[in-house]
PDB file of N, CA and C in Angstrom:
ATOM      1  N   MET A   1     -18.364 -20.751  17.201  1.00  0.00           N
ATOM      2  CA  MET A   1     -17.272 -20.640  17.729  1.00  0.00           C
ATOM      3  C   MET A   1     -17.267 -21.355  19.103  1.00  0.00           C
ATOM      4  N   ASN A   2     -18.151 -21.017  20.002  1.00  0.00           N
ATOM      5  CA  ASN A   2     -18.288 -21.700  21.104  1.00  0.00           C
ATOM      6  C   ASN A   2     -17.283 -21.592  22.084  1.00  0.00           C
ATOM      7  N   ASN A   3     -17.300 -20.401  22.841  1.00  0.00           N
ATOM      8  CA  ASN A   3     -16.428 -20.227  24.032  1.00  0.00           C
ATOM      9  C   ASN A   3     -14.824 -20.248  23.471  1.00  0.00           C
ATOM     10  N   LYS A   4     -14.527 -19.499  22.606  1.00  0.00           N
ATOM     11  CA  LYS A   4     -13.239 -19.210  22.024  1.00  0.00           C
ATOM     12  C   LYS A   4     -12.531 -17.972  22.443  1.00  0.00           C
ATOM     13  N   ASP A   5     -11.302 -17.784  21.997  1.00  0.00           N
ATOM     14  CA  ASP A   5     -10.464 -16.643  22.191  1.00  0.00           C
ATOM     15  C   ASP A   5     -10.082 -15.731  20.947  1.00  0.00           C
ATOM     16  N   LEU A   6      -9.112 -15.005  21.149  1.00  0.00           N
ATOM     17  CA  LEU A   6      -8.692 -14.083  20.043  1.00  0.00           C
ATOM     18  C   LEU A   6      -8.030 -14.718  19.003  1.00  0.00           C
ATOM     19  N   SER A   7      -7.455 -15.801  19.197  1.00  0.00           N
ATOM     20  CA  SER A   7      -6.807 -16.562  18.141  1.00  0.00           C
ATOM     21  C   SER A   7      -7.813 -17.360  17.251  1.00  0.00           C
ATOM     22  N   ASP A   8      -8.899 -17.438  17.521  1.00  0.00           N
ATOM     23  CA  ASP A   8     -10.252 -17.997  16.681  1.00  0.00           C
ATOM     24  C   ASP A   8     -11.020 -16.839  16.033  1.00  0.00           C
ATOM     25  N   ILE A   9     -10.689 -15.463  16.543  1.00  0.00           N
ATOM     26  CA  ILE A   9     -11.134 -14.412  15.591  1.00  0.00           C
ATOM     27  C   ILE A   9     -10.038 -14.259  14.669  1.00  0.00           C
ATOM     28  N   ASN A  10      -8.923 -14.609  14.889  1.00  0.00           N
ATOM     29  CA  ASN A  10      -8.017 -14.148  14.052  1.00  0.00           C
ATOM     30  C   ASN A  10      -7.942 -15.370  12.838  1.00  0.00           C
ATOM     31  N   ALA A  11      -8.441 -16.536  13.183  1.00  0.00           N
ATOM     32  CA  ALA A  11      -8.610 -17.476  12.462  1.00  0.00           C
ATOM     33  C   ALA A  11      -9.810 -17.362  11.388  1.00  0.00           C
ATOM     34  N   LEU A  12     -10.805 -16.571  12.070  1.00  0.00           N
ATOM     35  CA  LEU A  12     -12.041 -16.228  11.264  1.00  0.00           C
ATOM     36  C   LEU A  12     -11.772 -15.233  10.221  1.00  0.00           C
ATOM     37  N   LEU A  13     -10.816 -14.437  10.555  1.00  0.00           N
ATOM     38  CA  LEU A  13     -10.304 -13.209   9.489  1.00  0.00           C
ATOM     39  C   LEU A  13      -9.555 -13.713   8.302  1.00  0.00           C
ATOM     40  N   ARG A  14      -8.782 -14.456   8.851  1.00  0.00           N
ATOM     41  CA  ARG A  14      -7.900 -15.124   7.919  1.00  0.00           C
ATOM     42  C   ARG A  14      -8.599 -15.932   6.861  1.00  0.00           C
ATOM     43  N   ARG A  15      -9.757 -16.460   7.003  1.00  0.00           N
ATOM     44  CA  ARG A  15     -10.692 -17.082   6.165  1.00  0.00           C
ATOM     45  C   ARG A  15     -10.988 -16.257   4.888  1.00  0.00           C
ATOM     46  N   PHE A  16     -10.781 -14.960   5.263  1.00  0.00           N
ATOM     47  CA  PHE A  16     -11.132 -13.927   4.203  1.00  0.00           C
ATOM     48  C   PHE A  16      -9.858 -13.111   3.893  1.00  0.00           C
ATOM     49  N   GLY A  17      -8.742 -13.545   4.092  1.00  0.00           N
ATOM     50  CA  GLY A  17      -7.226 -12.910   3.914  1.00  0.00           C
ATOM     51  C   GLY A  17      -7.299 -11.702   4.406  1.00  0.00           C
ATOM     52  N   ILE A  18      -7.779 -11.547   5.696  1.00  0.00           N
ATOM     53  CA  ILE A  18      -7.787 -10.411   6.756  1.00  0.00           C
ATOM     54  C   ILE A  18      -6.656 -10.673   7.717  1.00  0.00           C
ATOM     55  N   TYR A  19      -5.648  -9.792   7.565  1.00  0.00           N
ATOM     56  CA  TYR A  19      -4.684 -10.024   8.628  1.00  0.00           C
ATOM     57  C   TYR A  19      -4.636  -8.660   9.457  1.00  0.00           C
ATOM     58  N   VAL A  20      -4.634  -8.426  10.547  1.00  0.00           N
ATOM     59  CA  VAL A  20      -4.384  -7.117  11.283  1.00  0.00           C
ATOM     60  C   VAL A  20      -3.441  -7.472  12.398  1.00  0.00           C
ATOM     61  N   TYR A  21      -2.672  -6.304  12.115  1.00  0.00           N
ATOM     62  CA  TYR A  21      -1.387  -6.197  12.878  1.00  0.00           C
ATOM     63  C   TYR A  21      -1.043  -4.644  13.606  1.00  0.00           C
ATOM     64  N   ASP A  22      -0.937  -4.572  14.722  1.00  0.00           N
ATOM     65  CA  ASP A  22      -0.824  -3.150  15.206  1.00  0.00           C
ATOM     66  C   ASP A  22      -0.077  -3.353  16.784  1.00  0.00           C
ATOM     67  N   LYS A  23       0.955  -2.739  16.952  1.00  0.00           N
ATOM     68  CA  LYS A  23       1.678  -2.654  17.979  1.00  0.00           C
ATOM     69  C   LYS A  23       1.007  -2.311  19.183  1.00  0.00           C
ATOM     70  N   ASN A  24      -0.039  -1.577  19.304  1.00  0.00           N
ATOM     71  CA  ASN A  24      -0.943  -1.129  20.211  1.00  0.00           C
ATOM     72  C   ASN A  24      -2.167  -2.007  20.288  1.00  0.00           C
ATOM     73  N   GLU A  25      -2.178  -2.744  21.556  1.00  0.00           N
ATOM     74  CA  GLU A  25      -3.232  -3.800  21.701  1.00  0.00           C
ATOM     75  C   GLU A  25      -4.565  -3.107  21.589  1.00  0.00           C
ATOM     76  N   LYS A  26      -4.857  -1.950  21.954  1.00  0.00           N
ATOM     77  CA  LYS A  26      -5.979  -1.279  21.968  1.00  0.00           C
ATOM     78  C   LYS A  26      -6.492  -0.756  20.387  1.00  0.00           C
ATOM     79  N   ASN A  27      -5.785  -0.561  19.860  1.00  0.00           N
ATOM     80  CA  ASN A  27      -5.918  -0.183  18.155  1.00  0.00           C
ATOM     81  C   ASN A  27      -6.216  -1.433  17.569  1.00  0.00           C
ATOM     82  N   LYS A  28      -5.303  -2.566  17.876  1.00  0.00           N
ATOM     83  CA  LYS A  28      -5.411  -3.690  17.158  1.00  0.00           C
ATOM     84  C   LYS A  28      -6.995  -4.347  17.502  1.00  0.00           C
ATOM     85  N   LEU A  29      -7.601  -4.153  18.692  1.00  0.00           N
ATOM     86  CA  LEU A  29      -8.895  -4.914  19.004  1.00  0.00           C
ATOM     87  C   LEU A  29      -9.707  -3.886  18.229  1.00  0.00           C
ATOM     88  N   ALA A  30      -9.560  -2.719  18.144  1.00  0.00           N
ATOM     89  CA  ALA A  30     -10.756  -1.762  17.441  1.00  0.00           C
ATOM     90  C   ALA A  30     -10.538  -2.075  16.054  1.00  0.00           C
ATOM     91  N   LEU A  31      -9.472  -2.327  15.209  1.00  0.00           N
ATOM     92  CA  LEU A  31      -9.412  -2.646  14.021  1.00  0.00           C
ATOM     93  C   LEU A  31     -10.111  -3.922  13.789  1.00  0.00           C
ATOM     94  N   ILE A  32      -9.827  -5.145  14.594  1.00  0.00           N
ATOM     95  CA  ILE A  32     -10.350  -6.495  14.313  1.00  0.00           C
ATOM     96  C   ILE A  32     -12.112  -5.965  14.536  1.00  0.00           C
ATOM     97  N   GLU A  33     -12.438  -5.304  15.552  1.00  0.00           N
ATOM     98  CA  GLU A  33     -13.889  -5.080  15.603  1.00  0.00           C
ATOM     99  C   GLU A  33     -14.485  -4.517  14.315  1.00  0.00           C
ATOM    100  N   MET A  34     -13.851  -3.556  13.656  1.00  0.00           N
ATOM    101  CA  MET A  34     -14.274  -3.070  12.469  1.00  0.00           C
ATOM    102  C   MET A  34     -14.543  -3.788  11.194  1.00  0.00           C
ATOM    103  N   GLU A  35     -13.517  -4.825  11.415  1.00  0.00           N
ATOM    104  CA  GLU A  35     -13.204  -5.869  10.246  1.00  0.00           C
ATOM    105  C   GLU A  35     -14.636  -6.737  10.496  1.00  0.00           C
ATOM    106  N   ILE A  36     -14.858  -7.230  11.841  1.00  0.00           N
ATOM    107  CA  ILE A  36     -15.785  -8.149  11.874  1.00  0.00           C
ATOM    108  C   ILE A  36     -17.150  -7.659  11.595  1.00  0.00           C
ATOM    109  N   LYS A  37     -17.411  -6.351  12.080  1.00  0.00           N
ATOM    110  CA  LYS A  37     -18.565  -5.433  11.511  1.00  0.00           C
ATOM    111  C   LYS A  37     -18.803  -5.506  10.177  1.00  0.00           C
ATOM    112  N   GLU A  38     -17.656  -5.004   9.170  1.00  0.00           N
ATOM    113  CA  GLU A  38     -17.764  -5.238   7.859  1.00  0.00           C
ATOM    114  C   GLU A  38     -18.207  -6.688   7.259  1.00  0.00           C
ATOM    115  N   LEU A  39     -17.527  -7.673   7.849  1.00  0.00           N
ATOM    116  CA  LEU A  39     -17.840  -9.085   7.184  1.00  0.00           C
ATOM    117  C   LEU A  39     -19.508  -9.293   7.752  1.00  0.00           C
ATOM    118  N   PHE A  40     -19.882  -9.120   8.785  1.00  0.00           N
ATOM    119  CA  PHE A  40     -21.343  -9.276   9.124  1.00  0.00           C
ATOM    120  C   PHE A  40     -22.278  -8.592   8.334  1.00  0.00           C
ATOM    121  N   LYS A  41     -21.978  -7.095   8.087  1.00  0.00           N
ATOM    122  CA  LYS A  41     -22.837  -6.204   7.407  1.00  0.00           C
ATOM    123  C   LYS A  41     -22.854  -6.781   5.700  1.00  0.00           C
ATOM    124  N   HIS A  42     -22.211  -7.231   5.430  1.00  0.00           N
ATOM    125  CA  HIS A  42     -21.941  -8.081   3.932  1.00  0.00           C
ATOM    126  C   HIS A  42     -22.609  -9.361   3.924  1.00  0.00           C
ATOM    127  N   GLY A  43     -22.892 -10.040   5.102  1.00  0.00           N
ATOM    128  CA  GLY A  43     -23.424 -11.307   5.152  1.00  0.00           C
ATOM    129  C   GLY A  43     -22.394 -12.257   4.920  1.00  0.00           C
ATOM    130  N   LEU A  44     -21.096 -11.981   5.519  1.00  0.00           N
ATOM    131  CA  LEU A  44     -19.997 -13.271   5.155  1.00  0.00           C
ATOM    132  C   LEU A  44     -19.762 -14.133   6.345  1.00  0.00           C
ATOM    133  N   ILE A  45     -20.449 -13.565   7.403  1.00  0.00           N
ATOM    134  CA  ILE A  45     -20.307 -14.396   8.603  1.00  0.00           C
ATOM    135  C   ILE A  45     -21.753 -14.522   9.425  1.00  0.00           C
ATOM    136  N   THR A  46     -21.829 -15.450  10.233  1.00  0.00           N
ATOM    137  CA  THR A  46     -23.278 -15.595  10.751  1.00  0.00           C
ATOM    138  C   THR A  46     -23.165 -14.743  11.931  1.00  0.00           C
ATOM    139  N   LYS A  47     -24.535 -14.549  12.331  1.00  0.00           N
ATOM    140  CA  LYS A  47     -25.070 -13.628  13.438  1.00  0.00           C
ATOM    141  C   LYS A  47     -24.229 -14.198  14.676  1.00  0.00           C
ATOM    142  N   GLU A  48     -24.249 -15.531  14.867  1.00  0.00           N
ATOM    143  CA  GLU A  48     -23.356 -16.359  15.836  1.00  0.00           C
ATOM    144  C   GLU A  48     -22.035 -16.164  16.042  1.00  0.00           C
ATOM    145  N   GLU A  49     -21.356 -15.970  14.847  1.00  0.00           N
ATOM    146  CA  GLU A  49     -19.996 -15.896  14.773  1.00  0.00           C
ATOM    147  C   GLU A  49     -19.879 -14.233  15.077  1.00  0.00           C
ATOM    148  N   PHE A  50     -20.557 -13.567  14.704  1.00  0.00           N
ATOM    149  CA  PHE A  50     -20.486 -11.840  14.757  1.00  0.00           C
ATOM    150  C   PHE A  50     -20.582 -11.832  16.329  1.00  0.00           C
ATOM    151  N   ALA A  51     -22.006 -12.246  17.024  1.00  0.00           N
ATOM    152  CA  ALA A  51     -21.992 -12.091  18.311  1.00  0.00           C
ATOM    153  C   ALA A  51     -20.715 -12.480  19.249  1.00  0.00           C
ATOM    154  N   GLU A  52     -20.395 -13.599  19.122  1.00  0.00           N
ATOM    155  CA  GLU A  52     -19.426 -14.108  19.770  1.00  0.00           C
ATOM    156  C   GLU A  52     -18.053 -13.478  19.693  1.00  0.00           C
ATOM    157  N   SER A  53     -17.735 -13.109  18.314  1.00  0.00           N
ATOM    158  CA  SER A  53     -16.583 -12.298  18.418  1.00  0.00           C
ATOM    159  C   SER A  53     -16.425 -10.930  18.980  1.00  0.00           C
ATOM    160  N   LEU A  54     -17.636 -10.219  18.948  1.00  0.00           N
ATOM    161  CA  LEU A  54     -17.780  -9.071  19.750  1.00  0.00           C
ATOM    162  C   LEU A  54     -17.744  -9.174  21.021  1.00  0.00           C
ATOM    163  N   LEU A  55     -18.309 -10.160  21.754  1.00  0.00           N
ATOM    164  CA  LEU A  55     -18.149 -10.684  23.182  1.00  0.00           C
ATOM    165  C   LEU A  55     -16.615 -10.979  23.496  1.00  0.00           C
ATOM    166  N   ILE A  56     -16.031 -11.642  22.683  1.00  0.00           N
ATOM    167  CA  ILE A  56     -14.587 -11.766  22.954  1.00  0.00           C
ATOM    168  C   ILE A  56     -13.783 -10.566  23.151  1.00  0.00           C
ATOM    169  N   LEU A  57     -14.142  -9.899  22.008  1.00  0.00           N
ATOM    170  CA  LEU A  57     -13.279  -8.433  21.822  1.00  0.00           C
ATOM    171  C   LEU A  57     -13.694  -7.534  23.105  1.00  0.00           C
ATOM    172  N   ARG A  58     -14.769  -7.562  23.299  1.00  0.00           N
ATOM    173  CA  ARG A  58     -15.377  -6.509  24.565  1.00  0.00           C
ATOM    174  C   ARG A  58     -14.551  -6.970  25.925  1.00  0.00           C
ATOM    175  N   LYS A  59     -14.459  -8.452  26.029  1.00  0.00           N
ATOM    176  CA  LYS A  59     -13.714  -8.846  27.260  1.00  0.00           C
ATOM    177  C   LYS A  59     -12.395  -8.519  27.365  1.00  0.00           C
ATOM    178  N   ARG A  60     -11.870  -8.326  26.126  1.00  0.00           N
ATOM    179  CA  ARG A  60     -10.300  -8.214  26.182  1.00  0.00           C
ATOM    180  C   ARG A  60      -9.965  -6.722  26.094  1.00  0.00           C
ATOM    181  N   GLY A  61     -10.819  -5.980  25.584  1.00  0.00           N
ATOM    182  CA  GLY A  61     -10.729  -4.367  25.597  1.00  0.00           C
ATOM    183  C   GLY A  61     -11.130  -3.811  26.825  1.00  0.00           C
TER     184      GLY A  61
END
């Protein structure tokens, strides 16, 4: 992903048919983080995608 933002994380999730909508920004970020962790746990994303996604989410939250 290399120095990306939240829209890139959403694109990553869309590759798997995952759409996260929530009015509350904090809740939305928590839901995205849970989805990213599940994708990594099941081997669907690389370690690099996982680490970069979490880094972006932590900077936002």
